[in-house]
């Protein structure tokens, strides 16, 4: 069996006040399915702006959501294959 490689593309956007960071994670599987998750991190107004922290939180949340979606898709595929025809 050949090795496979899947790549996730991540886009990060910060609002003009550096208060909200939005991350979008997209995965295209070899069979052409597109999986996308969007997540946000919001800075507490009393905290000083450290954009890297917002990036980490937003990206981590987007990847976590993407992971859950992939697991759900896999479970649904198994259920379809194991049901009688």
C-alpha atoms as a PDB file:
ATOM      1  CA  UNK A   1       0.000   0.000   0.000  1.00  0.00           C
ATOM      2  CA  UNK A   2       1.276   3.440  -0.884  1.00  0.00           C
ATOM      3  CA  UNK A   3       1.779   6.169   1.684  1.00  0.00           C
ATOM      4  CA  UNK A   4      -0.656   9.059   1.569  1.00  0.00           C
ATOM      5  CA  UNK A   5      -0.333  12.706   2.427  1.00  0.00           C
ATOM      6  CA  UNK A   6      -3.191  15.038   3.248  1.00  0.00           C
ATOM      7  CA  UNK A   7      -2.585  18.745   3.654  1.00  0.00           C
ATOM      8  CA  UNK A   8      -4.670  21.148   5.693  1.00  0.00           C
ATOM      9  CA  UNK A   9      -4.664  24.781   4.621  1.00  0.00           C
ATOM     10  CA  UNK A  10      -5.160  27.350   7.365  1.00  0.00           C
ATOM     11  CA  UNK A  11      -6.054  31.009   6.969  1.00  0.00           C
ATOM     12  CA  UNK A  12      -5.837  33.399   9.909  1.00  0.00           C
ATOM     13  CA  UNK A  13      -7.548  36.784  10.007  1.00  0.00           C
ATOM     14  CA  UNK A  14      -7.312  39.370  12.783  1.00  0.00           C
ATOM     15  CA  UNK A  15      -9.801  42.209  13.061  1.00  0.00           C
ATOM     16  CA  UNK A  16      -8.652  45.827  13.010  1.00  0.00           C
ATOM     17  CA  UNK A  17      -8.516  46.112  16.813  1.00  0.00           C
ATOM     18  CA  UNK A  18      -6.629  42.792  17.274  1.00  0.00           C
ATOM     19  CA  UNK A  19      -9.538  41.699  19.471  1.00  0.00           C
ATOM     20  CA  UNK A  20     -10.875  38.787  17.401  1.00  0.00           C
ATOM     21  CA  UNK A  21      -8.858  36.212  15.487  1.00  0.00           C
ATOM     22  CA  UNK A  22     -10.615  33.931  13.008  1.00  0.00           C
ATOM     23  CA  UNK A  23      -9.020  30.758  11.677  1.00  0.00           C
ATOM     24  CA  UNK A  24     -10.305  28.702   8.759  1.00  0.00           C
ATOM     25  CA  UNK A  25      -8.967  25.171   8.294  1.00  0.00           C
ATOM     26  CA  UNK A  26      -9.679  23.416   4.985  1.00  0.00           C
ATOM     27  CA  UNK A  27      -8.877  19.848   3.967  1.00  0.00           C
ATOM     28  CA  UNK A  28      -9.454  18.415   0.499  1.00  0.00           C
ATOM     29  CA  UNK A  29      -9.362  14.610   0.534  1.00  0.00           C
ATOM     30  CA  UNK A  30      -8.069  12.673  -2.487  1.00  0.00           C
ATOM     31  CA  UNK A  31     -11.648  11.720  -3.410  1.00  0.00           C
ATOM     32  CA  UNK A  32     -12.509  15.411  -3.764  1.00  0.00           C
ATOM     33  CA  UNK A  33     -14.352  15.982  -0.500  1.00  0.00           C
ATOM     34  CA  UNK A  34     -13.904  19.427   1.020  1.00  0.00           C
ATOM     35  CA  UNK A  35     -13.905  19.685   4.804  1.00  0.00           C
ATOM     36  CA  UNK A  36     -13.899  23.144   6.400  1.00  0.00           C
ATOM     37  CA  UNK A  37     -13.979  24.447   9.942  1.00  0.00           C
ATOM     38  CA  UNK A  38     -13.990  28.024  11.179  1.00  0.00           C
ATOM     39  CA  UNK A  39     -13.181  29.072  14.740  1.00  0.00           C
ATOM     40  CA  UNK A  40     -12.532  32.281  16.626  1.00  0.00           C
ATOM     41  CA  UNK A  41     -10.571  33.522  19.598  1.00  0.00           C
ATOM     42  CA  UNK A  42     -11.526  36.743  21.331  1.00  0.00           C
ATOM     43  CA  UNK A  43      -9.096  38.797  23.414  1.00  0.00           C
ATOM     44  CA  UNK A  44     -10.303  40.068  26.761  1.00  0.00           C
ATOM     45  CA  UNK A  45     -10.342  43.884  26.505  1.00  0.00           C
ATOM     46  CA  UNK A  46      -8.224  44.220  29.667  1.00  0.00           C
ATOM     47  CA  UNK A  47      -5.465  41.980  28.274  1.00  0.00           C
ATOM     48  CA  UNK A  48      -2.626  43.403  26.216  1.00  0.00           C
ATOM     49  CA  UNK A  49      -2.649  42.372  22.547  1.00  0.00           C
ATOM     50  CA  UNK A  50      -0.478  39.331  21.801  1.00  0.00           C
ATOM     51  CA  UNK A  51      -1.629  38.194  18.335  1.00  0.00           C
ATOM     52  CA  UNK A  52       0.238  34.882  18.512  1.00  0.00           C
ATOM     53  CA  UNK A  53      -1.956  33.691  21.367  1.00  0.00           C
ATOM     54  CA  UNK A  54      -5.133  34.420  19.420  1.00  0.00           C
ATOM     55  CA  UNK A  55      -3.669  32.618  16.409  1.00  0.00           C
ATOM     56  CA  UNK A  56      -2.895  29.509  18.471  1.00  0.00           C
ATOM     57  CA  UNK A  57      -6.320  29.410  20.092  1.00  0.00           C
ATOM     58  CA  UNK A  58      -8.286  30.028  16.899  1.00  0.00           C
ATOM     59  CA  UNK A  59      -6.251  27.534  14.849  1.00  0.00           C
ATOM     60  CA  UNK A  60      -6.404  24.924  17.618  1.00  0.00           C
ATOM     61  CA  UNK A  61     -10.177  25.282  17.800  1.00  0.00           C
ATOM     62  CA  UNK A  62     -10.561  25.070  14.017  1.00  0.00           C
ATOM     63  CA  UNK A  63      -8.401  21.940  13.863  1.00  0.00           C
ATOM     64  CA  UNK A  64     -10.285  20.384  16.775  1.00  0.00           C
ATOM     65  CA  UNK A  65     -13.591  20.995  15.001  1.00  0.00           C
ATOM     66  CA  UNK A  66     -12.169  19.646  11.736  1.00  0.00           C
ATOM     67  CA  UNK A  67     -11.022  16.532  13.584  1.00  0.00           C
ATOM     68  CA  UNK A  68     -14.504  15.965  15.025  1.00  0.00           C
ATOM     69  CA  UNK A  69     -16.066  16.365  11.573  1.00  0.00           C
ATOM     70  CA  UNK A  70     -13.665  13.829  10.031  1.00  0.00           C
ATOM     71  CA  UNK A  71     -14.375  11.303  12.790  1.00  0.00           C
ATOM     72  CA  UNK A  72     -18.125  11.778  12.273  1.00  0.00           C
ATOM     73  CA  UNK A  73     -17.768  11.341   8.499  1.00  0.00           C
ATOM     74  CA  UNK A  74     -15.778   8.144   9.039  1.00  0.00           C
ATOM     75  CA  UNK A  75     -18.381   6.782  11.448  1.00  0.00           C
ATOM     76  CA  UNK A  76     -21.167   7.546   8.951  1.00  0.00           C
ATOM     77  CA  UNK A  77     -19.228   5.811   6.164  1.00  0.00           C
ATOM     78  CA  UNK A  78     -18.778   2.707   8.338  1.00  0.00           C
ATOM     79  CA  UNK A  79     -22.492   2.703   9.184  1.00  0.00           C
ATOM     80  CA  UNK A  80     -23.429   2.901   5.495  1.00  0.00           C
ATOM     81  CA  UNK A  81     -21.109   0.045   4.561  1.00  0.00           C
ATOM     82  CA  UNK A  82     -22.326  -2.186   7.376  1.00  0.00           C
ATOM     83  CA  UNK A  83     -26.056  -1.692   6.727  1.00  0.00           C
ATOM     84  CA  UNK A  84     -27.882  -4.287   4.627  1.00  0.00           C
ATOM     85  CA  UNK A  85     -28.386  -3.483   0.966  1.00  0.00           C
END
